[in-house]
Amino acid sequence: MTAPDPDRLTDLGKRLDDLQTRKAAGTKSSPPSQSGIAFRFATELVAALIVGGGLGWGIDWLFGHFGFHTRPAFLVLFFMAGMAAGIRNVMHAAKEINAEIAEKSASKPEEK
């Protein structure tokens, strides 16, 4: 087995660096659309409500099998907790999207 040619390795390293530079420059995407933002907010809220309600229903169902009749209590409690978590997630997503838009507008040169 022979050792690799140092000139070929250097050339390969330069080509890889150039490729990474071009790829990093080309990955800038446009800001999110209004429908994309609305879809994300709706998804965040609905997912939290489903998870919270599902956990509450499951706990009520489990307690029902052990003789404790808590039928709507945990469902309501966890649904409310899911609502709070969903609103918190939407607020966090809004901050994230605003920061992303501000970053993209700051990096874009002003047009006159």
N, C-alpha and C. Protein backbone atom coordinates (compact mmCIF):
# COMPACT_ATOMS: atom_id res chain seq x y z
N MET A 1 0.84 -1.17 0.00
CA MET A 1 0.00 0.00 0.00
C MET A 1 0.89 1.23 0.00
N THR A 2 0.58 2.18 -0.86
CA THR A 2 1.39 3.40 -0.96
C THR A 2 0.70 4.55 -0.26
N ALA A 3 1.48 5.51 0.15
CA ALA A 3 0.95 6.70 0.84
C ALA A 3 0.26 7.60 -0.19
N PRO A 4 -0.81 8.29 0.20
CA PRO A 4 -1.49 9.18 -0.74
C PRO A 4 -0.61 10.38 -1.08
N ASP A 5 -0.80 10.87 -2.27
CA ASP A 5 -0.05 12.02 -2.77
C ASP A 5 -0.48 13.28 -2.01
N PRO A 6 0.44 14.00 -1.37
CA PRO A 6 0.07 15.19 -0.60
C PRO A 6 -0.55 16.29 -1.46
N ASP A 7 -0.11 16.41 -2.70
CA ASP A 7 -0.68 17.44 -3.58
C ASP A 7 -2.14 17.14 -3.89
N ARG A 8 -2.47 15.88 -4.11
CA ARG A 8 -3.87 15.51 -4.39
C ARG A 8 -4.73 15.74 -3.16
N LEU A 9 -4.19 15.44 -1.95
CA LEU A 9 -4.95 15.67 -0.72
C LEU A 9 -5.19 17.17 -0.50
N THR A 10 -4.20 17.99 -0.78
CA THR A 10 -4.35 19.43 -0.65
C THR A 10 -5.40 19.94 -1.63
N ASP A 11 -5.34 19.46 -2.87
CA ASP A 11 -6.32 19.85 -3.87
C ASP A 11 -7.73 19.43 -3.45
N LEU A 12 -7.86 18.22 -2.93
CA LEU A 12 -9.16 17.74 -2.46
C LEU A 12 -9.68 18.61 -1.32
N GLY A 13 -8.80 18.98 -0.39
CA GLY A 13 -9.19 19.84 0.72
C GLY A 13 -9.69 21.20 0.25
N LYS A 14 -9.01 21.78 -0.75
CA LYS A 14 -9.43 23.07 -1.29
C LYS A 14 -10.78 22.96 -1.98
N ARG A 15 -10.97 21.89 -2.74
CA ARG A 15 -12.27 21.72 -3.42
C ARG A 15 -13.39 21.54 -2.42
N LEU A 16 -13.14 20.80 -1.34
CA LEU A 16 -14.16 20.62 -0.31
C LEU A 16 -14.48 21.94 0.39
N ASP A 17 -13.46 22.75 0.67
CA ASP A 17 -13.69 24.06 1.28
C ASP A 17 -14.52 24.96 0.37
N ASP A 18 -14.20 24.96 -0.93
CA ASP A 18 -14.96 25.76 -1.88
C ASP A 18 -16.42 25.30 -1.94
N LEU A 19 -16.63 24.00 -1.94
CA LEU A 19 -17.98 23.46 -1.99
C LEU A 19 -18.77 23.86 -0.74
N GLN A 20 -18.15 23.77 0.42
CA GLN A 20 -18.83 24.15 1.66
C GLN A 20 -19.16 25.64 1.67
N THR A 21 -18.25 26.47 1.16
CA THR A 21 -18.50 27.90 1.10
C THR A 21 -19.67 28.21 0.18
N ARG A 22 -19.72 27.57 -0.99
CA ARG A 22 -20.83 27.80 -1.93
C ARG A 22 -22.14 27.30 -1.34
N LYS A 23 -22.10 26.17 -0.66
CA LYS A 23 -23.32 25.62 -0.07
C LYS A 23 -23.83 26.53 1.04
N ALA A 24 -22.94 27.05 1.89
CA ALA A 24 -23.36 27.94 2.97
C ALA A 24 -23.94 29.24 2.41
N ALA A 25 -23.40 29.74 1.32
CA ALA A 25 -23.90 30.97 0.73
C ALA A 25 -25.26 30.75 0.06
N GLY A 26 -25.52 29.57 -0.42
CA GLY A 26 -26.77 29.30 -1.13
C GLY A 26 -27.90 28.82 -0.26
N THR A 27 -27.68 28.64 1.05
CA THR A 27 -28.72 28.09 1.92
C THR A 27 -29.62 29.16 2.52
N LYS A 28 -29.44 30.42 2.18
CA LYS A 28 -30.30 31.46 2.73
C LYS A 28 -31.69 31.33 2.13
N SER A 29 -32.66 31.19 3.01
CA SER A 29 -34.03 31.01 2.55
C SER A 29 -34.83 32.29 2.75
N SER A 30 -35.98 32.33 2.12
CA SER A 30 -36.83 33.50 2.26
C SER A 30 -37.53 33.46 3.61
N PRO A 31 -38.02 34.60 4.09
CA PRO A 31 -38.73 34.59 5.36
C PRO A 31 -40.01 33.78 5.25
N PRO A 32 -40.50 33.26 6.37
CA PRO A 32 -41.70 32.42 6.31
C PRO A 32 -42.91 33.22 5.84
N SER A 33 -43.78 32.54 5.12
CA SER A 33 -45.00 33.20 4.62
C SER A 33 -46.02 33.30 5.74
N GLN A 34 -47.04 34.12 5.53
CA GLN A 34 -48.08 34.29 6.55
C GLN A 34 -48.85 32.99 6.76
N SER A 35 -49.10 32.26 5.69
CA SER A 35 -49.81 30.99 5.85
C SER A 35 -48.94 29.96 6.58
N GLY A 36 -47.65 29.99 6.34
CA GLY A 36 -46.75 29.09 7.04
C GLY A 36 -46.70 29.40 8.53
N ILE A 37 -46.69 30.68 8.86
CA ILE A 37 -46.69 31.09 10.27
C ILE A 37 -48.00 30.66 10.93
N ALA A 38 -49.12 30.91 10.28
CA ALA A 38 -50.42 30.54 10.83
C ALA A 38 -50.52 29.03 11.02
N PHE A 39 -50.03 28.27 10.06
CA PHE A 39 -50.06 26.81 10.17
C PHE A 39 -49.22 26.34 11.34
N ARG A 40 -48.06 26.95 11.53
CA ARG A 40 -47.20 26.55 12.65
C ARG A 40 -47.88 26.86 13.98
N PHE A 41 -48.48 28.06 14.10
CA PHE A 41 -49.16 28.41 15.34
C PHE A 41 -50.31 27.46 15.62
N ALA A 42 -51.10 27.16 14.60
CA ALA A 42 -52.25 26.26 14.78
C ALA A 42 -51.77 24.87 15.18
N THR A 43 -50.71 24.40 14.55
CA THR A 43 -50.17 23.08 14.87
C THR A 43 -49.67 23.02 16.31
N GLU A 44 -48.95 24.06 16.73
CA GLU A 44 -48.44 24.10 18.10
C GLU A 44 -49.60 24.03 19.10
N LEU A 45 -50.64 24.81 18.87
CA LEU A 45 -51.76 24.88 19.81
C LEU A 45 -52.57 23.58 19.82
N VAL A 46 -52.90 23.07 18.64
CA VAL A 46 -53.71 21.86 18.55
C VAL A 46 -52.96 20.66 19.12
N ALA A 47 -51.69 20.55 18.85
CA ALA A 47 -50.91 19.42 19.37
C ALA A 47 -50.89 19.43 20.90
N ALA A 48 -50.70 20.60 21.49
CA ALA A 48 -50.69 20.69 22.95
C ALA A 48 -52.05 20.34 23.53
N LEU A 49 -53.12 20.78 22.88
CA LEU A 49 -54.47 20.46 23.37
C LEU A 49 -54.75 18.96 23.28
N ILE A 50 -54.34 18.34 22.19
CA ILE A 50 -54.57 16.90 22.02
C ILE A 50 -53.77 16.10 23.05
N VAL A 51 -52.52 16.47 23.25
CA VAL A 51 -51.69 15.76 24.22
C VAL A 51 -52.26 15.94 25.63
N GLY A 52 -52.60 17.18 26.00
CA GLY A 52 -53.15 17.43 27.33
C GLY A 52 -54.47 16.69 27.55
N GLY A 53 -55.38 16.79 26.59
CA GLY A 53 -56.66 16.09 26.70
C GLY A 53 -56.49 14.59 26.72
N GLY A 54 -55.59 14.08 25.91
CA GLY A 54 -55.34 12.63 25.87
C GLY A 54 -54.77 12.12 27.17
N LEU A 55 -53.83 12.87 27.75
CA LEU A 55 -53.28 12.46 29.04
C LEU A 55 -54.36 12.47 30.13
N GLY A 56 -55.18 13.51 30.15
CA GLY A 56 -56.26 13.58 31.13
C GLY A 56 -57.25 12.46 30.97
N TRP A 57 -57.64 12.18 29.74
CA TRP A 57 -58.58 11.08 29.47
C TRP A 57 -57.96 9.75 29.91
N GLY A 58 -56.69 9.55 29.60
CA GLY A 58 -56.01 8.31 29.98
C GLY A 58 -55.92 8.13 31.48
N ILE A 59 -55.63 9.19 32.21
CA ILE A 59 -55.56 9.10 33.67
C ILE A 59 -56.94 8.81 34.24
N ASP A 60 -57.98 9.49 33.71
CA ASP A 60 -59.34 9.20 34.17
C ASP A 60 -59.72 7.74 33.88
N TRP A 61 -59.38 7.26 32.72
CA TRP A 61 -59.68 5.88 32.35
C TRP A 61 -58.95 4.89 33.27
N LEU A 62 -57.67 5.20 33.55
CA LEU A 62 -56.88 4.32 34.42
C LEU A 62 -57.44 4.30 35.84
N PHE A 63 -57.76 5.47 36.37
CA PHE A 63 -58.33 5.52 37.72
C PHE A 63 -59.69 4.82 37.77
N GLY A 64 -60.46 4.88 36.68
CA GLY A 64 -61.76 4.21 36.62
C GLY A 64 -61.62 2.70 36.75
N HIS A 65 -60.53 2.16 36.25
CA HIS A 65 -60.31 0.72 36.37
C HIS A 65 -59.90 0.29 37.77
N PHE A 66 -59.45 1.23 38.57
CA PHE A 66 -59.06 0.92 39.94
C PHE A 66 -60.13 1.33 40.95
N GLY A 67 -61.32 1.70 40.48
CA GLY A 67 -62.43 1.99 41.37
C GLY A 67 -62.60 3.45 41.74
N PHE A 68 -61.72 4.33 41.27
CA PHE A 68 -61.87 5.76 41.56
C PHE A 68 -62.59 6.39 40.37
N HIS A 69 -63.70 7.02 40.63
CA HIS A 69 -64.49 7.61 39.53
C HIS A 69 -64.20 9.10 39.43
N THR A 70 -63.18 9.44 38.67
CA THR A 70 -62.75 10.83 38.48
C THR A 70 -63.07 11.29 37.06
N ARG A 71 -64.02 10.68 36.42
CA ARG A 71 -64.23 10.76 34.98
C ARG A 71 -63.89 12.12 34.34
N PRO A 72 -64.49 13.25 34.64
CA PRO A 72 -64.09 14.43 33.88
C PRO A 72 -62.97 15.25 34.52
N ALA A 73 -62.60 14.96 35.75
CA ALA A 73 -61.70 15.85 36.48
C ALA A 73 -60.33 15.98 35.81
N PHE A 74 -59.66 14.88 35.57
CA PHE A 74 -58.32 14.96 34.98
C PHE A 74 -58.36 15.39 33.52
N LEU A 75 -59.43 15.02 32.82
CA LEU A 75 -59.58 15.46 31.43
C LEU A 75 -59.62 16.98 31.37
N VAL A 76 -60.43 17.60 32.21
CA VAL A 76 -60.53 19.06 32.23
C VAL A 76 -59.22 19.68 32.68
N LEU A 77 -58.64 19.14 33.74
CA LEU A 77 -57.39 19.67 34.28
C LEU A 77 -56.26 19.64 33.25
N PHE A 78 -56.08 18.49 32.62
CA PHE A 78 -54.99 18.36 31.66
C PHE A 78 -55.29 19.08 30.34
N PHE A 79 -56.58 19.20 29.99
CA PHE A 79 -56.93 19.99 28.81
C PHE A 79 -56.55 21.45 29.04
N MET A 80 -56.82 21.96 30.25
CA MET A 80 -56.43 23.34 30.59
C MET A 80 -54.90 23.48 30.60
N ALA A 81 -54.22 22.48 31.12
CA ALA A 81 -52.75 22.52 31.12
C ALA A 81 -52.22 22.48 29.68
N GLY A 82 -52.87 21.69 28.82
CA GLY A 82 -52.49 21.65 27.41
C GLY A 82 -52.74 22.99 26.73
N MET A 83 -53.83 23.65 27.11
CA MET A 83 -54.12 24.97 26.54
C MET A 83 -53.02 25.96 26.94
N ALA A 84 -52.63 25.94 28.21
CA ALA A 84 -51.57 26.84 28.68
C ALA A 84 -50.25 26.53 27.97
N ALA A 85 -49.95 25.26 27.83
CA ALA A 85 -48.71 24.87 27.14
C ALA A 85 -48.76 25.27 25.67
N GLY A 86 -49.93 25.12 25.03
CA GLY A 86 -50.06 25.51 23.62
C GLY A 86 -49.87 27.00 23.44
N ILE A 87 -50.45 27.80 24.32
CA ILE A 87 -50.28 29.26 24.22
C ILE A 87 -48.82 29.63 24.45
N ARG A 88 -48.18 28.98 25.41
CA ARG A 88 -46.75 29.22 25.65
C ARG A 88 -45.91 28.85 24.43
N ASN A 89 -46.24 27.73 23.79
CA ASN A 89 -45.52 27.30 22.59
C ASN A 89 -45.70 28.28 21.45
N VAL A 90 -46.92 28.81 21.30
CA VAL A 90 -47.18 29.78 20.24
C VAL A 90 -46.38 31.06 20.50
N MET A 91 -46.33 31.50 21.75
CA MET A 91 -45.55 32.70 22.07
C MET A 91 -44.07 32.47 21.80
N HIS A 92 -43.58 31.29 22.14
CA HIS A 92 -42.17 30.97 21.88
C HIS A 92 -41.90 30.93 20.37
N ALA A 93 -42.81 30.34 19.61
CA ALA A 93 -42.65 30.27 18.16
C ALA A 93 -42.69 31.66 17.55
N ALA A 94 -43.55 32.54 18.08
CA ALA A 94 -43.62 33.91 17.56
C ALA A 94 -42.31 34.65 17.80
N LYS A 95 -41.73 34.49 18.99
CA LYS A 95 -40.43 35.12 19.26
C LYS A 95 -39.37 34.59 18.30
N GLU A 96 -39.38 33.29 18.07
CA GLU A 96 -38.39 32.66 17.18
C GLU A 96 -38.54 33.18 15.75
N ILE A 97 -39.77 33.27 15.27
CA ILE A 97 -40.01 33.74 13.91
C ILE A 97 -39.65 35.21 13.79
N ASN A 98 -39.98 36.03 14.79
CA ASN A 98 -39.62 37.45 14.75
C ASN A 98 -38.12 37.63 14.74
N ALA A 99 -37.40 36.84 15.52
CA ALA A 99 -35.94 36.93 15.53
C ALA A 99 -35.36 36.52 14.17
N GLU A 100 -35.93 35.49 13.57
CA GLU A 100 -35.47 35.03 12.25
C GLU A 100 -35.71 36.11 11.19
N ILE A 101 -36.88 36.73 11.22
CA ILE A 101 -37.19 37.79 10.24
C ILE A 101 -36.29 39.00 10.46
N ALA A 102 -36.06 39.38 11.72
CA ALA A 102 -35.18 40.51 12.02
C ALA A 102 -33.76 40.24 11.56
N GLU A 103 -33.29 39.01 11.76
CA GLU A 103 -31.94 38.64 11.34
C GLU A 103 -31.79 38.72 9.83
N LYS A 104 -32.81 38.24 9.11
CA LYS A 104 -32.74 38.25 7.65
C LYS A 104 -32.85 39.66 7.10
N SER A 105 -33.66 40.51 7.74
CA SER A 105 -33.79 41.88 7.24
C SER A 105 -32.56 42.69 7.58
N ALA A 106 -31.87 42.37 8.68
CA ALA A 106 -30.64 43.08 9.05
C ALA A 106 -29.49 42.70 8.12
N SER A 107 -29.47 41.44 7.67
CA SER A 107 -28.38 41.00 6.81
C SER A 107 -28.58 41.41 5.36
N LYS A 108 -29.82 41.76 4.99
CA LYS A 108 -30.11 42.16 3.62
C LYS A 108 -29.80 43.66 3.47
N PRO A 109 -29.06 44.04 2.43
CA PRO A 109 -28.77 45.46 2.24
C PRO A 109 -30.05 46.23 1.92
N GLU A 110 -30.08 47.47 2.37
CA GLU A 110 -31.26 48.31 2.13
C GLU A 110 -31.35 48.68 0.66
N GLU A 111 -32.58 48.67 0.17
CA GLU A 111 -32.82 49.04 -1.23
C GLU A 111 -33.41 50.43 -1.25
N LYS A 112 -32.93 51.27 -2.17
CA LYS A 112 -33.46 52.63 -2.29
C LYS A 112 -33.95 52.88 -3.68
